[in-house]
Amino acid sequence: MTKKDMTLLIEAEDAINDMDRVLVSLTSMGHSDGLFHKMDNVYEVIMNNSHEYYQKAKKENDEDIESLFYHIVNNQYLLAMDRAEILLEGRIRVEN
């Protein structure tokens, strides 16, 4: 996957999270609670196309790596293109 494509997916994930906050404030339910749960597939596509280090979180049920991955994807203090670069290169890792 290209950095540009990963950036677009992360921007979509950001928009889903923003929408989710609005839905929760209005209805007390997020997108995953209703008809729009398939939007979670964006997160899965990001995971499936990230560096193999992050992919092993799902394969090996590694909660530390999964938590790190989630934090990187959802850290809107970083630009989407910076998060894309981190996820594609596997630059940030859990310290053992």
C-alpha atoms as a PDB file:
ATOM      1  CA  MET A   1       0.000   0.000   0.000  1.00  0.00           C
ATOM      2  CA  THR A   2       1.262   3.471  -0.769  1.00  0.00           C
ATOM      3  CA  LYS A   3       1.731   6.150   1.853  1.00  0.00           C
ATOM      4  CA  LYS A   4      -0.899   8.248   0.046  1.00  0.00           C
ATOM      5  CA  ASP A   5      -3.490   5.444   0.205  1.00  0.00           C
ATOM      6  CA  MET A   6      -2.735   4.784   3.879  1.00  0.00           C
ATOM      7  CA  THR A   7      -3.077   8.506   4.582  1.00  0.00           C
ATOM      8  CA  LEU A   8      -6.512   8.521   2.923  1.00  0.00           C
ATOM      9  CA  LEU A   9      -7.617   5.577   5.051  1.00  0.00           C
ATOM     10  CA  ILE A  10      -6.399   7.237   8.237  1.00  0.00           C
ATOM     11  CA  GLU A  11      -8.238  10.434   7.295  1.00  0.00           C
ATOM     12  CA  ALA A  12     -11.383   8.349   6.804  1.00  0.00           C
ATOM     13  CA  GLU A  13     -10.848   6.721  10.212  1.00  0.00           C
ATOM     14  CA  ASP A  14     -10.472  10.185  11.759  1.00  0.00           C
ATOM     15  CA  ALA A  15     -13.771  11.250  10.186  1.00  0.00           C
ATOM     16  CA  ILE A  16     -15.472   8.087  11.477  1.00  0.00           C
ATOM     17  CA  ASN A  17     -14.187   8.809  14.990  1.00  0.00           C
ATOM     18  CA  ASP A  18     -15.371  12.426  14.784  1.00  0.00           C
ATOM     19  CA  MET A  19     -18.782  11.267  13.569  1.00  0.00           C
ATOM     20  CA  ASP A  20     -18.883   8.697  16.348  1.00  0.00           C
ATOM     21  CA  ARG A  21     -18.390  11.376  19.012  1.00  0.00           C
ATOM     22  CA  VAL A  22     -21.347  13.307  17.573  1.00  0.00           C
ATOM     23  CA  LEU A  23     -23.524  10.187  17.408  1.00  0.00           C
ATOM     24  CA  VAL A  24     -22.736   9.303  21.013  1.00  0.00           C
ATOM     25  CA  SER A  25     -23.553  12.822  22.184  1.00  0.00           C
ATOM     26  CA  LEU A  26     -26.871  12.796  20.315  1.00  0.00           C
ATOM     27  CA  THR A  27     -28.026   9.206  20.749  1.00  0.00           C
ATOM     28  CA  SER A  28     -25.763   7.648  23.406  1.00  0.00           C
ATOM     29  CA  MET A  29     -24.816   5.091  20.749  1.00  0.00           C
ATOM     30  CA  GLY A  30     -21.834   5.027  18.409  1.00  0.00           C
ATOM     31  CA  HIS A  31     -21.667   3.771  14.846  1.00  0.00           C
ATOM     32  CA  SER A  32     -20.703   0.268  15.993  1.00  0.00           C
ATOM     33  CA  ASP A  33     -23.936  -0.027  17.962  1.00  0.00           C
ATOM     34  CA  GLY A  34     -26.189   0.518  14.973  1.00  0.00           C
ATOM     35  CA  LEU A  35     -26.511   0.011  11.262  1.00  0.00           C
ATOM     36  CA  PHE A  36     -23.088   1.417  10.461  1.00  0.00           C
ATOM     37  CA  HIS A  37     -20.856  -1.152  12.148  1.00  0.00           C
ATOM     38  CA  LYS A  38     -19.247  -1.978   8.785  1.00  0.00           C
ATOM     39  CA  MET A  39     -17.386   1.326   9.074  1.00  0.00           C
ATOM     40  CA  ASP A  40     -15.068  -0.532  11.439  1.00  0.00           C
ATOM     41  CA  ASN A  41     -13.735  -2.262   8.331  1.00  0.00           C
ATOM     42  CA  VAL A  42     -11.631   0.847   7.610  1.00  0.00           C
ATOM     43  CA  TYR A  43      -9.669   0.141  10.807  1.00  0.00           C
ATOM     44  CA  GLU A  44      -9.234  -3.504   9.732  1.00  0.00           C
ATOM     45  CA  VAL A  45      -7.923  -2.477   6.301  1.00  0.00           C
ATOM     46  CA  ILE A  46      -5.417  -0.151   7.970  1.00  0.00           C
ATOM     47  CA  MET A  47      -4.304  -3.010  10.241  1.00  0.00           C
ATOM     48  CA  ASN A  48      -4.069  -5.490   7.375  1.00  0.00           C
ATOM     49  CA  ASN A  49      -1.873  -3.135   5.338  1.00  0.00           C
ATOM     50  CA  SER A  50       0.373  -1.913   8.133  1.00  0.00           C
ATOM     51  CA  HIS A  51       3.908  -3.102   8.782  1.00  0.00           C
ATOM     52  CA  GLU A  52       4.109  -6.793   9.735  1.00  0.00           C
ATOM     53  CA  TYR A  53       5.053  -5.761  13.292  1.00  0.00           C
ATOM     54  CA  TYR A  54       1.563  -4.302  13.859  1.00  0.00           C
ATOM     55  CA  GLN A  55      -0.167  -7.131  12.006  1.00  0.00           C
ATOM     56  CA  LYS A  56       1.218  -9.656  14.473  1.00  0.00           C
ATOM     57  CA  ALA A  57      -0.896  -7.994  17.181  1.00  0.00           C
ATOM     58  CA  LYS A  58      -3.930  -9.694  15.687  1.00  0.00           C
ATOM     59  CA  LYS A  59      -2.161 -12.913  14.698  1.00  0.00           C
ATOM     60  CA  GLU A  60      -0.557 -13.443  18.106  1.00  0.00           C
ATOM     61  CA  ASN A  61      -3.275 -11.747  20.179  1.00  0.00           C
ATOM     62  CA  ASP A  62      -0.689  -9.292  21.516  1.00  0.00           C
ATOM     63  CA  GLU A  63      -2.610  -6.670  23.504  1.00  0.00           C
ATOM     64  CA  ASP A  64       0.420  -4.384  23.932  1.00  0.00           C
ATOM     65  CA  ILE A  65       1.003  -4.085  20.194  1.00  0.00           C
ATOM     66  CA  GLU A  66      -2.744  -3.780  19.536  1.00  0.00           C
ATOM     67  CA  SER A  67      -2.932  -0.931  22.041  1.00  0.00           C
ATOM     68  CA  LEU A  68       0.062   0.801  20.452  1.00  0.00           C
ATOM     69  CA  PHE A  69      -1.454   0.382  16.977  1.00  0.00           C
ATOM     70  CA  TYR A  70      -4.774   1.810  18.167  1.00  0.00           C
ATOM     71  CA  HIS A  71      -2.997   4.775  19.741  1.00  0.00           C
ATOM     72  CA  ILE A  72      -1.050   5.521  16.558  1.00  0.00           C
ATOM     73  CA  VAL A  73      -4.114   5.296  14.303  1.00  0.00           C
ATOM     74  CA  ASN A  74      -6.230   7.490  16.578  1.00  0.00           C
ATOM     75  CA  ASN A  75      -3.611  10.061  17.604  1.00  0.00           C
ATOM     76  CA  GLN A  76      -5.028  13.096  15.819  1.00  0.00           C
ATOM     77  CA  TYR A  77      -2.228  15.257  17.256  1.00  0.00           C
ATOM     78  CA  LEU A  78      -0.091  13.734  14.499  1.00  0.00           C
ATOM     79  CA  LEU A  79      -0.836  14.426  10.854  1.00  0.00           C
ATOM     80  CA  ALA A  80      -2.469  11.546   8.986  1.00  0.00           C
ATOM     81  CA  MET A  81       0.531  11.293   6.650  1.00  0.00           C
ATOM     82  CA  ASP A  82       2.885  10.981   9.643  1.00  0.00           C
ATOM     83  CA  ARG A  83       0.760   8.207  11.129  1.00  0.00           C
ATOM     84  CA  ALA A  84       0.689   6.489   7.732  1.00  0.00           C
ATOM     85  CA  GLU A  85       4.476   6.594   7.572  1.00  0.00           C
ATOM     86  CA  ILE A  86       4.812   5.174  11.099  1.00  0.00           C
ATOM     87  CA  LEU A  87       2.380   2.347  10.372  1.00  0.00           C
ATOM     88  CA  LEU A  88       3.912   1.429   7.032  1.00  0.00           C
ATOM     89  CA  GLU A  89       7.493   1.471   8.305  1.00  0.00           C
ATOM     90  CA  GLY A  90       6.869  -0.027  11.760  1.00  0.00           C
ATOM     91  CA  ARG A  91       8.950   2.726  13.362  1.00  0.00           C
ATOM     92  CA  ILE A  92       7.262   2.829  16.780  1.00  0.00           C
ATOM     93  CA  ARG A  93       7.349  -0.393  18.774  1.00  0.00           C
ATOM     94  CA  VAL A  94       6.542  -1.654  22.230  1.00  0.00           C
ATOM     95  CA  GLU A  95       9.610  -1.763  24.439  1.00  0.00           C
ATOM     96  CA  ASN A  96      10.234  -5.104  26.049  1.00  0.00           C
END
